[in-house]
Amino acid sequence: GRDLICIQSMDGMLMLFEQESYAFGRFLPGFLLPGPLAYSSRTDSFITVSSCQQVESYKYQVLAFATDADERQDIEQQKLSSGKRLAVDWILNIGEQALDICVVSFNQGVSSVFVLGERNFFCLKDNGQIQFMKKLDYSPSCFIPYCSVQEGTINTLIANHSKILNVYQDVTLKWATQLPCIPVSVKVANFQDLKGVIVTLSDDGHLQCSYLGTDPSLFRAPKVDSREINYEEMNAEMKELQKIIREATKTQDILPESEKQRDVTVTVEVSPDLDEESQAIDSEVKAGAVPSVTVKIIIQSRVTAQKPSLAVCVQAPLAVTCDQFIFDDFVILNILLYLFENSGMKYPVVRMWKLKMNLCSFILGIPRVSQCNFSLTLKLVCFPAQPSKAANHKLTIDTNKPPISFVTIFPGRFLTNLCLNTVFISLVFVLVLKERYRIQSDQLEDLWLVTKELVYRLEVHFKKQNCKDFACTFSGSIPLQEYFELIDRHFEIRLNAEKYQELLSERAVQFRAIERRLLTRFKDKTPAPLQHLDTLLEGTF
């Protein structure tokens, strides 16, 4: 009925207490640093791991009759004293430092000593013989042998520094699970309503009780009276549910489109005429004015928006004076933009007069994006010119309606024929021949812009007259050879652009190196010849 306590000190002394009374103390031989300590009740021994990386066992009886630690003497005087030298019961060299020792006895006749090393896991008999060992491919942090599920085997929990808890049956891995932290100690506990709870303690003092598997079902549904199944009702209910699921998965928006449109609206007003004074950054290119047009953006918000921002996406060769706007707040906000023809590119790209605007904001913590597409006036990229009947490329558009005057669909100075000169591009001439429209130009790439605008305006005109069967057709041969030549030319230009870009980078590095050497020569107190550095600098520049 007495409690016996063994304490190992930092200087290698084992102190034994009976209840609160100090019994005796013994120094372990060859001690350097303290190691893990465990007690085997079957052999009445204390088992520890010394600094020599050896598992050592000392019987309690030997410790009791050995020389007292308070009267520690040298070896010569120890031979003459009445006490005996402290002798070890058995020793096993494991070749590595031990993290923990645990002695278990699930069978009353046999006890096992488990030692967790830095890279290996040992199971020893109570006489020091190795029963089995397991080489670990990770860095362990703690372990606990908790039960014997099958006779002759022992289950062990081993945690590592990768936050993984492994379950072994002897040397066989049976299960692995992820932990939220790196445990420094692990135990298996049984509570009143839960059996086999895994208790872990982290290095920052967090204690966690967990278990393997899914959440336990605490509710048991009562048995219901069996009844006949009506398959027709079940099929009808299944179809109804599938219909609801399909409708719900059609859109991934949080709110309906109509409700979002009521919260934030973006409208655009494009001026039909060009600016009298060009707002372009480079107002003159090749002795000609660069046209610009004013676009008015109106933003209306029904609710309070947080961190609203506006982005204007403009495709080259068009440019905008400002493409990013960030506001503190808005309810009704007017913004003026100036769009102009950029002189850096020669040819327009597809749908160049179609622009997109994105408005991003946070309403009640939910991100909202409102988009608005708008078209620019054709005057920004085309202007009237004198007609010329000679052209290299011609395109004929057939319609099923009588031709209409260009004054109707192209308000301006045009009468029977349409002649436009695109900015930085050659002349495009449009003729009316009975129910046909002929577009011609010296360059193939210039045809698409006027052709697309002509077809678009014809469709709008006949749609206003409630004519639903209007159609435009093309019966000629597609100029694929000229089209492929354009693609090859464009690809060659891209390659040359990359080549000249690399050459420019090399010349820039050379230019800076020559500048540094010239600066060093000029700072030198003793004049020295330039050695043609000025010639290299002039050639590089």
Protein backbone atom coordinates (compact mmCIF):
# COMPACT_ATOMS: atom_id res chain seq x y z
CA GLY A 1 0.00 0.00 0.00
CA ARG A 2 3.00 2.29 -0.13
CA ASP A 3 3.94 4.57 -3.02
CA LEU A 4 7.55 4.27 -4.15
CA ILE A 5 8.94 7.09 -6.32
CA CYS A 6 12.18 7.11 -8.33
CA ILE A 7 13.62 10.43 -9.53
CA GLN A 8 16.61 10.78 -11.89
CA SER A 9 18.62 13.97 -11.46
CA MET A 10 20.70 15.83 -14.02
CA ASP A 11 23.95 14.59 -12.47
CA GLY A 12 23.01 10.91 -12.89
CA MET A 13 21.67 10.15 -9.43
CA LEU A 14 18.67 7.91 -8.83
CA MET A 15 16.77 9.07 -5.74
CA LEU A 16 14.15 6.74 -4.26
CA PHE A 17 11.37 7.88 -1.95
CA GLU A 18 8.89 5.90 0.16
CA GLN A 19 5.84 8.10 0.30
CA GLU A 20 7.31 11.49 1.28
CA SER A 21 10.40 10.03 2.99
CA TYR A 22 13.77 9.87 1.22
CA ALA A 23 15.08 6.28 1.19
CA PHE A 24 18.44 6.34 -0.61
CA GLY A 25 20.23 7.62 -3.71
CA ARG A 26 22.63 5.95 -6.14
CA PHE A 27 24.87 7.35 -8.92
CA LEU A 28 24.76 5.51 -12.23
CA PRO A 29 28.21 4.53 -13.52
CA GLY A 30 29.58 6.29 -16.62
CA PHE A 31 26.82 8.89 -16.54
CA LEU A 32 26.95 11.96 -18.83
CA LEU A 33 23.38 13.04 -19.68
CA PRO A 34 20.07 11.74 -18.32
CA GLY A 35 17.97 9.47 -20.56
CA PRO A 36 14.46 8.00 -20.45
CA LEU A 37 13.70 5.82 -17.41
CA ALA A 38 11.11 3.06 -16.89
CA TYR A 39 10.33 0.46 -14.18
CA SER A 40 9.64 -3.23 -14.84
CA SER A 41 7.49 -4.70 -12.09
CA ARG A 42 8.01 -8.28 -13.25
CA THR A 43 11.83 -8.17 -12.81
CA ASP A 44 11.78 -5.37 -10.21
CA SER A 45 14.27 -3.39 -12.32
CA PHE A 46 14.87 0.16 -13.51
CA ILE A 47 15.63 0.42 -17.25
CA THR A 48 17.27 3.45 -18.81
CA VAL A 49 19.38 4.48 -21.82
CA SER A 50 22.82 5.88 -21.07
CA SER A 51 24.90 8.40 -23.01
CA CYS A 52 26.79 5.47 -24.53
CA GLN A 53 23.61 4.65 -26.51
CA GLN A 54 23.09 1.49 -24.45
CA VAL A 55 19.94 0.17 -22.80
CA GLU A 56 20.85 -0.68 -19.18
CA SER A 57 18.86 -2.52 -16.51
CA TYR A 58 19.47 -2.15 -12.74
CA LYS A 59 17.66 -4.29 -10.19
CA TYR A 60 16.16 -2.59 -7.20
CA GLN A 61 17.90 -4.99 -4.82
CA VAL A 62 21.31 -4.09 -6.27
CA LEU A 63 20.52 -0.38 -5.97
CA ALA A 64 19.49 -0.83 -2.33
CA PHE A 65 22.71 -2.61 -1.27
CA ALA A 66 25.15 -0.53 -3.33
CA THR A 67 27.32 2.29 -1.97
CA ASP A 68 25.31 5.25 -0.78
CA ALA A 69 25.47 8.27 -3.02
CA ASP A 70 26.08 10.62 -0.11
CA GLU A 71 29.27 8.74 0.71
CA ARG A 72 30.56 8.54 -2.90
CA GLN A 73 34.27 7.69 -2.90
CA ASP A 74 36.87 6.83 -5.47
CA ILE A 75 37.43 3.27 -6.69
CA GLU A 76 40.29 2.46 -4.30
CA GLN A 77 38.35 3.54 -1.23
CA GLN A 78 35.18 1.88 -2.56
CA LYS A 79 36.85 -1.52 -2.36
CA LEU A 80 37.51 -1.03 1.38
CA SER A 81 33.98 0.21 2.20
CA SER A 82 31.24 -2.07 3.37
CA GLY A 83 28.86 -1.29 0.45
CA LYS A 84 28.89 -3.05 -2.90
CA ARG A 85 29.59 -1.47 -6.29
CA LEU A 86 26.55 -0.72 -8.46
CA ALA A 87 26.40 -3.49 -11.07
CA VAL A 88 24.23 -3.52 -14.17
CA ASP A 89 21.89 -6.46 -14.75
CA TRP A 90 22.07 -6.47 -18.57
CA ILE A 91 23.19 -4.12 -21.37
CA LEU A 92 22.07 -3.79 -25.04
CA ASN A 93 23.78 -1.43 -27.49
CA ILE A 94 21.16 0.15 -29.82
CA GLY A 95 23.54 2.61 -31.53
CA GLU A 96 21.37 5.71 -31.20
CA GLN A 97 19.85 7.97 -28.59
CA ALA A 98 16.45 6.95 -27.21
CA LEU A 99 13.45 9.23 -27.07
CA ASP A 100 11.30 7.16 -24.73
CA ILE A 101 11.06 3.79 -22.96
CA CYS A 102 7.88 1.96 -22.07
CA VAL A 103 7.47 -1.37 -20.24
CA VAL A 104 4.18 -3.20 -20.86
CA SER A 105 2.80 -6.55 -19.77
CA PHE A 106 -0.46 -7.47 -21.50
CA ASN A 107 0.26 -11.13 -20.66
CA GLN A 108 0.84 -11.77 -16.99
CA GLY A 109 3.70 -14.15 -17.70
CA VAL A 110 5.59 -11.99 -20.22
CA SER A 111 6.60 -8.33 -20.18
CA SER A 112 8.17 -6.36 -23.02
CA VAL A 113 10.42 -3.33 -23.08
CA PHE A 114 9.75 -0.89 -25.93
CA VAL A 115 12.43 1.66 -26.85
CA LEU A 116 11.79 4.47 -29.35
CA GLY A 117 15.01 5.60 -30.96
CA GLU A 118 15.73 8.43 -33.38
CA ARG A 119 15.40 6.18 -36.42
CA ASN A 120 14.42 2.76 -35.08
CA PHE A 121 11.78 1.19 -32.88
CA PHE A 122 12.88 -1.70 -30.60
CA CYS A 123 10.95 -4.33 -28.67
CA LEU A 124 13.03 -6.20 -26.05
CA LYS A 125 12.34 -9.05 -23.74
CA ASP A 126 12.71 -8.42 -20.01
CA ASN A 127 16.14 -10.10 -20.13
CA GLY A 128 17.52 -7.67 -22.78
CA GLN A 129 17.12 -9.84 -25.89
CA ILE A 130 15.68 -8.19 -29.02
CA GLN A 131 12.23 -9.49 -29.80
CA PHE A 132 11.84 -7.35 -32.98
CA MET A 133 12.84 -3.96 -34.36
CA LYS A 134 11.40 -1.63 -36.99
CA LYS A 135 13.39 0.88 -39.05
CA LEU A 136 11.45 4.15 -39.36
CA ASP A 137 11.62 6.37 -42.46
CA TYR A 138 10.57 9.47 -40.53
CA SER A 139 11.53 11.39 -37.40
CA PRO A 140 9.37 10.15 -34.48
CA SER A 141 8.26 12.38 -31.63
CA CYS A 142 6.51 10.03 -29.14
CA PHE A 143 4.89 6.61 -28.87
CA ILE A 144 2.75 4.37 -26.68
CA PRO A 145 2.08 0.57 -26.78
CA TYR A 146 -1.60 0.42 -25.91
CA CYS A 147 -3.02 -3.11 -26.32
CA SER A 148 -2.69 -6.62 -27.68
CA VAL A 149 -5.44 -7.23 -30.23
CA GLN A 150 -4.10 -10.60 -31.36
CA GLU A 151 -2.33 -13.05 -29.08
CA GLY A 152 1.44 -12.70 -29.40
CA THR A 153 1.28 -9.20 -30.96
CA ILE A 154 1.22 -5.70 -29.51
CA ASN A 155 -0.30 -2.58 -31.08
CA THR A 156 1.68 0.67 -30.85
CA LEU A 157 0.95 4.32 -31.68
CA ILE A 158 3.94 6.29 -33.05
CA ALA A 159 3.67 10.01 -33.85
CA ASN A 160 6.19 11.88 -36.00
CA HIS A 161 7.19 15.45 -36.77
CA SER A 162 5.10 15.42 -39.97
CA LYS A 163 1.91 15.52 -37.85
CA ILE A 164 1.06 11.91 -38.70
CA LEU A 165 0.01 9.23 -36.21
CA ASN A 166 0.89 5.66 -37.27
CA VAL A 167 -0.69 2.51 -35.86
CA TYR A 168 1.57 -0.58 -35.87
CA GLN A 169 0.89 -4.21 -35.01
CA ASP A 170 4.41 -5.33 -34.10
CA VAL A 171 6.31 -4.15 -37.23
CA THR A 172 3.31 -3.99 -39.61
CA LEU A 173 1.73 -0.60 -40.34
CA LYS A 174 -2.04 -0.95 -39.95
CA TRP A 175 -3.28 2.65 -40.13
CA ALA A 176 -2.11 6.27 -40.44
CA THR A 177 -3.95 9.49 -39.71
CA GLN A 178 -3.25 13.21 -39.85
CA LEU A 179 -2.92 15.27 -36.67
CA PRO A 180 -3.39 19.05 -36.31
CA CYS A 181 -0.08 19.45 -34.42
CA ILE A 182 3.15 17.68 -33.53
CA PRO A 183 2.51 15.76 -30.27
CA VAL A 184 5.17 15.40 -27.60
CA SER A 185 3.17 12.78 -25.71
CA VAL A 186 0.41 10.37 -26.66
CA LYS A 187 -1.79 8.08 -24.52
CA VAL A 188 -4.90 5.96 -24.95
CA ALA A 189 -7.66 6.65 -22.43
CA ASN A 190 -11.10 5.25 -21.60
CA PHE A 191 -13.81 7.66 -20.47
CA GLN A 192 -17.31 7.04 -19.28
CA ASP A 193 -19.00 7.07 -22.68
CA LEU A 194 -15.99 6.84 -25.00
CA LYS A 195 -13.56 3.96 -25.14
CA GLY A 196 -10.12 4.10 -26.71
CA VAL A 197 -9.74 7.89 -26.94
CA ILE A 198 -6.35 9.05 -28.25
CA VAL A 199 -5.02 11.83 -26.01
CA THR A 200 -2.20 13.97 -27.44
CA LEU A 201 -0.26 16.88 -25.94
CA SER A 202 1.43 19.42 -28.23
CA ASP A 203 4.61 21.35 -27.51
CA ASP A 204 2.60 24.54 -26.87
CA GLY A 205 0.44 22.87 -24.21
CA HIS A 206 -2.69 22.02 -26.19
CA LEU A 207 -4.38 18.82 -25.00
CA GLN A 208 -6.55 17.04 -27.54
CA CYS A 209 -8.80 14.00 -27.26
CA SER A 210 -9.56 12.35 -30.61
CA TYR A 211 -10.46 9.00 -32.10
CA LEU A 212 -10.03 7.19 -35.40
CA GLY A 213 -12.84 6.84 -37.92
CA THR A 214 -15.96 8.90 -38.59
CA ASP A 215 -18.16 10.76 -36.13
CA PRO A 216 -20.08 8.33 -33.91
CA SER A 217 -23.79 8.12 -34.52
CA LEU A 218 -25.49 9.02 -31.25
CA PHE A 219 -28.99 8.83 -32.74
CA ARG A 220 -30.58 5.55 -33.67
CA ALA A 221 -33.61 5.76 -35.87
CA PRO A 222 -36.54 3.74 -34.59
CA LYS A 223 -37.79 0.85 -36.62
CA VAL A 224 -40.69 1.73 -38.86
CA ASP A 225 -43.48 -0.47 -40.02
CA SER A 226 -42.74 -1.99 -43.40
CA ARG A 227 -45.02 -0.82 -46.17
CA GLU A 228 -45.31 -1.40 -49.86
CA ILE A 229 -43.24 0.89 -52.09
CA ASN A 230 -45.05 2.94 -54.70
CA TYR A 231 -42.52 3.07 -57.52
CA GLU A 232 -44.57 5.49 -59.63
CA GLU A 233 -44.60 8.10 -56.85
CA MET A 234 -40.89 7.60 -56.25
CA ASN A 235 -40.10 8.07 -59.97
CA ALA A 236 -42.21 11.23 -60.11
CA GLU A 237 -40.50 12.62 -57.00
CA MET A 238 -37.07 11.73 -58.42
CA LYS A 239 -37.80 13.56 -61.68
CA GLU A 240 -39.00 16.61 -59.79
CA LEU A 241 -35.86 16.69 -57.66
CA GLN A 242 -33.61 16.25 -60.69
CA LYS A 243 -35.40 19.15 -62.39
CA ILE A 244 -34.77 21.36 -59.35
CA ILE A 245 -31.10 20.34 -59.28
CA ARG A 246 -30.65 21.12 -62.99
CA GLU A 247 -32.20 24.55 -62.61
CA ALA A 248 -30.06 25.29 -59.56
CA THR A 249 -26.82 24.27 -61.31
CA LYS A 250 -27.43 26.26 -64.49
CA THR A 251 -25.82 29.38 -63.00
CA GLN A 252 -23.17 29.71 -60.34
CA ASP A 253 -24.05 33.29 -59.40
CA ILE A 254 -24.86 33.99 -55.78
CA LEU A 255 -27.71 36.36 -56.64
CA PRO A 256 -30.08 36.42 -59.64
CA GLU A 257 -29.04 38.52 -62.63
CA SER A 258 -31.97 40.89 -62.24
CA GLU A 259 -31.13 41.64 -58.61
CA LYS A 260 -27.48 42.26 -59.42
CA GLN A 261 -28.42 44.62 -62.22
CA ARG A 262 -30.57 46.63 -59.82
CA ASP A 263 -27.67 47.05 -57.38
CA VAL A 264 -25.04 48.50 -59.74
CA THR A 265 -25.63 49.70 -63.30
CA VAL A 266 -23.09 50.97 -65.80
CA THR A 267 -24.17 52.89 -68.90
CA VAL A 268 -22.02 54.45 -71.62
CA GLU A 269 -22.70 57.39 -73.93
CA VAL A 270 -20.41 57.66 -76.98
CA SER A 271 -20.21 60.99 -78.75
CA PRO A 272 -21.22 60.63 -82.44
CA ASP A 273 -18.67 63.26 -83.49
CA LEU A 274 -14.94 63.43 -83.07
CA ASP A 275 -13.32 65.87 -80.67
CA GLU A 276 -12.49 69.23 -82.18
CA GLU A 277 -9.16 69.18 -80.36
CA SER A 278 -7.52 65.76 -80.26
CA GLN A 279 -6.94 64.33 -76.77
CA ALA A 280 -4.36 61.82 -78.02
CA ILE A 281 -1.02 61.59 -76.28
CA ASP A 282 0.77 61.93 -79.64
CA SER A 283 -1.47 64.46 -81.37
CA GLU A 284 0.36 64.34 -84.70
CA VAL A 285 1.70 61.36 -86.60
CA LYS A 286 3.18 61.71 -90.07
CA ALA A 287 1.95 65.32 -90.28
CA GLY A 288 -1.66 64.19 -89.68
CA ALA A 289 -3.89 64.68 -86.67
CA VAL A 290 -4.78 61.63 -84.57
CA PRO A 291 -8.57 61.58 -84.03
CA SER A 292 -10.16 61.06 -80.61
CA VAL A 293 -13.71 60.61 -79.32
CA THR A 294 -15.24 61.34 -75.91
CA VAL A 295 -16.95 58.50 -74.00
CA LYS A 296 -19.14 59.30 -70.97
CA ILE A 297 -19.52 56.55 -68.35
CA ILE A 298 -22.42 56.73 -65.88
CA ILE A 299 -22.29 54.48 -62.79
CA GLN A 300 -25.34 54.16 -60.54
CA SER A 301 -25.37 52.20 -57.28
CA ARG A 302 -28.46 51.43 -55.24
CA VAL A 303 -26.48 50.22 -52.21
CA THR A 304 -23.20 51.14 -50.59
CA ALA A 305 -20.22 49.68 -52.43
CA GLN A 306 -16.80 49.07 -50.89
CA LYS A 307 -13.55 49.62 -52.81
CA PRO A 308 -15.12 50.07 -56.25
CA SER A 309 -12.75 50.03 -59.23
CA LEU A 310 -13.34 50.48 -62.96
CA ALA A 311 -11.24 48.92 -65.74
CA VAL A 312 -11.58 49.82 -69.43
CA CYS A 313 -10.35 47.09 -71.81
CA VAL A 314 -9.25 48.59 -75.12
CA GLN A 315 -7.85 46.50 -77.97
CA ALA A 316 -4.92 47.79 -79.98
CA PRO A 317 -4.48 49.92 -82.02
CA LEU A 318 -7.00 51.98 -80.05
CA ALA A 319 -5.83 53.61 -76.84
CA VAL A 320 -7.45 55.37 -73.88
CA THR A 321 -6.24 58.25 -71.76
CA CYS A 322 -6.90 56.31 -68.53
CA ASP A 323 -7.86 52.63 -68.22
CA GLN A 324 -8.02 52.21 -64.41
CA PHE A 325 -10.23 54.11 -61.95
CA ILE A 326 -10.42 53.54 -58.17
CA PHE A 327 -13.14 55.30 -56.16
CA ASP A 328 -13.83 55.73 -52.47
CA ASP A 329 -17.59 55.52 -52.92
CA PHE A 330 -20.24 56.30 -55.54
CA VAL A 331 -23.96 56.55 -55.97
CA ILE A 332 -24.14 58.36 -59.32
CA LEU A 333 -20.76 58.98 -60.94
CA ASN A 334 -19.87 60.47 -64.32
CA ILE A 335 -16.51 59.72 -65.96
CA LEU A 336 -15.15 61.14 -69.22
CA LEU A 337 -12.79 59.01 -71.30
CA TYR A 338 -10.96 59.97 -74.46
CA LEU A 339 -10.28 57.15 -76.91
CA PHE A 340 -7.95 57.71 -79.83
CA GLU A 341 -6.15 55.86 -82.61
CA ASN A 342 -2.76 54.62 -81.45
CA SER A 343 -0.02 55.19 -84.01
CA GLY A 344 2.09 52.28 -82.82
CA MET A 345 0.26 49.66 -84.93
CA LYS A 346 -0.72 49.72 -88.58
CA TYR A 347 -3.64 47.31 -88.79
CA PRO A 348 -6.73 47.12 -86.57
CA VAL A 349 -7.60 43.83 -84.92
CA VAL A 350 -10.89 41.95 -84.93
CA ARG A 351 -13.82 43.84 -83.38
CA MET A 352 -11.62 46.83 -82.71
CA TRP A 353 -14.56 49.19 -82.23
CA LYS A 354 -16.15 46.90 -79.59
CA LEU A 355 -14.88 47.79 -76.12
CA LYS A 356 -15.53 46.17 -72.74
CA MET A 357 -15.75 47.77 -69.32
CA ASN A 358 -15.53 45.91 -65.98
CA LEU A 359 -16.72 47.40 -62.68
CA CYS A 360 -15.52 45.50 -59.58
CA SER A 361 -16.89 46.27 -56.11
CA PHE A 362 -17.80 44.66 -52.77
CA ILE A 363 -21.44 44.90 -51.67
CA LEU A 364 -22.18 43.52 -48.19
CA GLY A 365 -18.83 41.72 -48.33
CA ILE A 366 -19.71 39.92 -51.61
CA PRO A 367 -17.62 40.72 -54.70
CA ARG A 368 -19.65 42.01 -57.64
CA VAL A 369 -18.52 42.48 -61.24
CA SER A 370 -20.65 44.52 -63.65
CA GLN A 371 -19.75 44.58 -67.35
CA CYS A 372 -20.78 46.92 -70.11
CA ASN A 373 -19.98 46.56 -73.82
CA PHE A 374 -20.26 49.52 -76.16
CA SER A 375 -19.37 50.47 -79.73
CA LEU A 376 -17.44 53.46 -81.03
CA THR A 377 -18.19 55.61 -84.00
CA LEU A 378 -16.68 54.56 -87.32
CA LYS A 379 -15.31 58.09 -87.74
CA LEU A 380 -12.60 57.29 -85.22
CA VAL A 381 -10.84 54.94 -87.65
CA CYS A 382 -12.27 55.89 -91.07
CA PHE A 383 -12.83 59.13 -92.95
CA PRO A 384 -14.25 59.94 -96.43
CA ALA A 385 -11.92 59.98 -99.43
CA GLN A 386 -12.00 60.29 -103.22
CA PRO A 387 -13.07 57.05 -104.98
CA SER A 388 -10.76 54.93 -107.07
CA LYS A 389 -12.11 52.11 -109.22
CA ALA A 390 -8.76 50.34 -109.65
CA ALA A 391 -8.13 47.78 -106.87
CA ASN A 392 -6.28 44.49 -106.39
CA HIS A 393 -8.85 42.76 -104.17
CA LYS A 394 -12.64 42.76 -104.59
CA LEU A 395 -15.44 41.30 -102.49
CA THR A 396 -19.10 41.03 -103.52
CA ILE A 397 -21.92 40.72 -100.96
CA ASP A 398 -25.30 39.48 -102.27
CA THR A 399 -28.58 40.38 -100.51
CA ASN A 400 -32.21 39.33 -100.96
CA LYS A 401 -33.45 42.93 -100.67
CA PRO A 402 -33.16 45.89 -103.03
CA PRO A 403 -30.18 48.13 -102.34
CA ILE A 404 -30.57 51.20 -100.19
CA SER A 405 -28.82 54.53 -100.27
CA PHE A 406 -25.66 54.95 -98.26
CA VAL A 407 -27.07 58.21 -96.89
CA THR A 408 -29.53 56.12 -94.85
CA ILE A 409 -27.06 53.79 -93.19
CA PHE A 410 -23.95 56.04 -93.36
CA PRO A 411 -25.21 59.55 -92.56
CA GLY A 412 -22.92 62.11 -94.12
CA ARG A 413 -21.72 63.25 -97.51
CA PHE A 414 -22.16 59.93 -99.32
CA LEU A 415 -24.61 59.63 -102.23
CA THR A 416 -24.46 56.46 -104.31
CA ASN A 417 -20.99 55.16 -103.51
CA LEU A 418 -19.04 54.84 -100.26
CA CYS A 419 -15.33 55.57 -100.21
CA LEU A 420 -13.47 55.40 -96.89
CA ASN A 421 -9.82 55.81 -96.04
CA THR A 422 -8.91 54.04 -92.79
CA VAL A 423 -6.33 55.63 -90.54
CA PHE A 424 -2.81 54.54 -91.58
CA ILE A 425 -4.43 52.06 -94.06
CA SER A 426 -5.20 52.23 -97.74
CA LEU A 427 -8.41 53.22 -99.53
CA VAL A 428 -11.60 51.10 -99.36
CA PHE A 429 -14.28 51.67 -102.02
CA VAL A 430 -17.88 50.35 -101.87
CA LEU A 431 -20.13 50.18 -104.95
CA VAL A 432 -23.82 49.33 -105.29
CA LEU A 433 -24.67 46.98 -108.17
CA LYS A 434 -28.38 46.07 -108.29
CA GLU A 435 -28.81 43.81 -105.19
CA ARG A 436 -25.10 43.55 -104.60
CA TYR A 437 -22.53 45.52 -102.69
CA ARG A 438 -18.95 45.41 -103.94
CA ILE A 439 -16.11 46.26 -101.59
CA GLN A 440 -12.64 46.68 -103.09
CA SER A 441 -9.23 47.70 -101.84
CA ASP A 442 -5.58 47.42 -102.74
CA GLN A 443 -4.87 45.32 -99.63
CA LEU A 444 -6.80 42.24 -98.51
CA GLU A 445 -6.60 43.03 -94.80
CA ASP A 446 -8.40 46.36 -95.33
CA LEU A 447 -11.64 44.75 -96.54
CA TRP A 448 -12.90 43.23 -93.32
CA LEU A 449 -13.51 46.42 -91.32
CA VAL A 450 -15.76 48.13 -93.85
CA THR A 451 -17.43 44.83 -94.83
CA LYS A 452 -18.36 44.01 -91.24
CA GLU A 453 -19.65 47.53 -90.59
CA LEU A 454 -21.69 47.48 -93.81
CA VAL A 455 -23.34 44.13 -92.98
CA TYR A 456 -24.03 45.25 -89.41
CA ARG A 457 -25.72 48.48 -90.49
CA LEU A 458 -27.78 46.71 -93.15
CA GLU A 459 -29.05 44.20 -90.56
CA VAL A 460 -29.96 47.03 -88.15
CA HIS A 461 -31.74 48.96 -90.90
CA PHE A 462 -33.95 46.06 -92.05
CA LYS A 463 -34.60 44.99 -88.45
CA LYS A 464 -36.12 48.41 -87.76
CA GLN A 465 -38.44 47.84 -90.72
CA ASN A 466 -39.58 44.50 -89.21
CA CYS A 467 -37.94 42.55 -92.01
CA LYS A 468 -36.96 39.18 -90.55
CA ASP A 469 -35.85 37.35 -93.73
CA PHE A 470 -32.99 39.67 -94.68
CA ALA A 471 -29.78 37.80 -95.43
CA CYS A 472 -26.31 38.53 -96.77
CA THR A 473 -24.42 35.89 -98.73
CA PHE A 474 -21.06 35.54 -100.42
CA SER A 475 -20.80 33.25 -103.46
CA GLY A 476 -17.23 33.93 -104.54
CA SER A 477 -14.13 31.93 -103.79
CA ILE A 478 -12.38 32.53 -100.51
CA PRO A 479 -8.89 34.05 -101.08
CA LEU A 480 -7.10 31.50 -98.93
CA GLN A 481 -3.75 31.93 -100.69
CA GLU A 482 -3.62 35.65 -99.91
CA TYR A 483 -4.87 34.93 -96.39
CA PHE A 484 -2.09 32.43 -95.71
CA GLU A 485 0.47 34.86 -97.12
CA LEU A 486 -0.71 37.44 -94.61
CA ILE A 487 -0.30 34.92 -91.79
CA ASP A 488 3.23 34.06 -92.95
CA ARG A 489 4.11 37.74 -93.18
CA HIS A 490 2.74 38.38 -89.71
CA PHE A 491 4.71 35.44 -88.32
CA GLU A 492 7.88 36.72 -89.97
CA ILE A 493 7.31 40.16 -88.48
CA ARG A 494 6.88 38.64 -85.03
CA LEU A 495 10.15 36.73 -85.40
CA ASN A 496 11.97 39.86 -86.56
CA ALA A 497 10.51 41.80 -83.64
CA GLU A 498 11.87 39.24 -81.17
CA LYS A 499 15.25 39.23 -82.94
CA TYR A 500 15.55 43.01 -82.84
CA GLN A 501 14.41 43.04 -79.23
CA GLU A 502 17.26 40.70 -78.28
CA LEU A 503 19.70 42.77 -80.36
CA LEU A 504 18.51 45.93 -78.62
CA SER A 505 19.04 44.31 -75.20
CA GLU A 506 22.58 43.28 -76.15
CA ARG A 507 23.40 46.75 -77.45
CA ALA A 508 21.97 48.31 -74.27
CA VAL A 509 24.26 46.16 -72.12
CA GLN A 510 27.23 47.06 -74.30
CA PHE A 511 26.28 50.73 -74.20
CA ARG A 512 26.16 50.79 -70.39
CA ALA A 513 29.52 48.96 -70.15
CA ILE A 514 31.20 51.51 -72.46
CA GLU A 515 29.66 54.36 -70.46
CA ARG A 516 31.10 52.97 -67.23
CA ARG A 517 34.59 52.61 -68.74
CA LEU A 518 34.45 56.13 -70.19
CA LEU A 519 33.34 57.55 -66.84
CA THR A 520 36.28 55.80 -65.16
CA ARG A 521 38.70 57.29 -67.72
CA PHE A 522 37.30 60.79 -67.25
CA LYS A 523 37.56 60.56 -63.44
CA ASP A 524 41.17 59.38 -63.61
CA LYS A 525 43.62 62.14 -62.59
CA THR A 526 46.19 60.90 -65.08
CA PRO A 527 44.95 61.39 -68.67
CA ALA A 528 44.90 58.18 -70.68
CA PRO A 529 43.95 57.42 -74.28
CA LEU A 530 40.35 56.41 -74.88
CA GLN A 531 41.42 53.43 -77.01
CA HIS A 532 38.52 53.98 -79.45
CA LEU A 533 35.90 53.80 -76.70
CA ASP A 534 34.26 56.92 -78.11
CA THR A 535 33.97 55.20 -81.50
CA LEU A 536 32.36 52.13 -79.88
CA LEU A 537 29.96 54.38 -77.94
CA GLU A 538 28.90 56.23 -81.09
CA GLY A 539 28.45 52.98 -83.02
CA THR A 540 26.43 51.37 -80.22
CA PHE A 541 24.21 54.41 -79.78
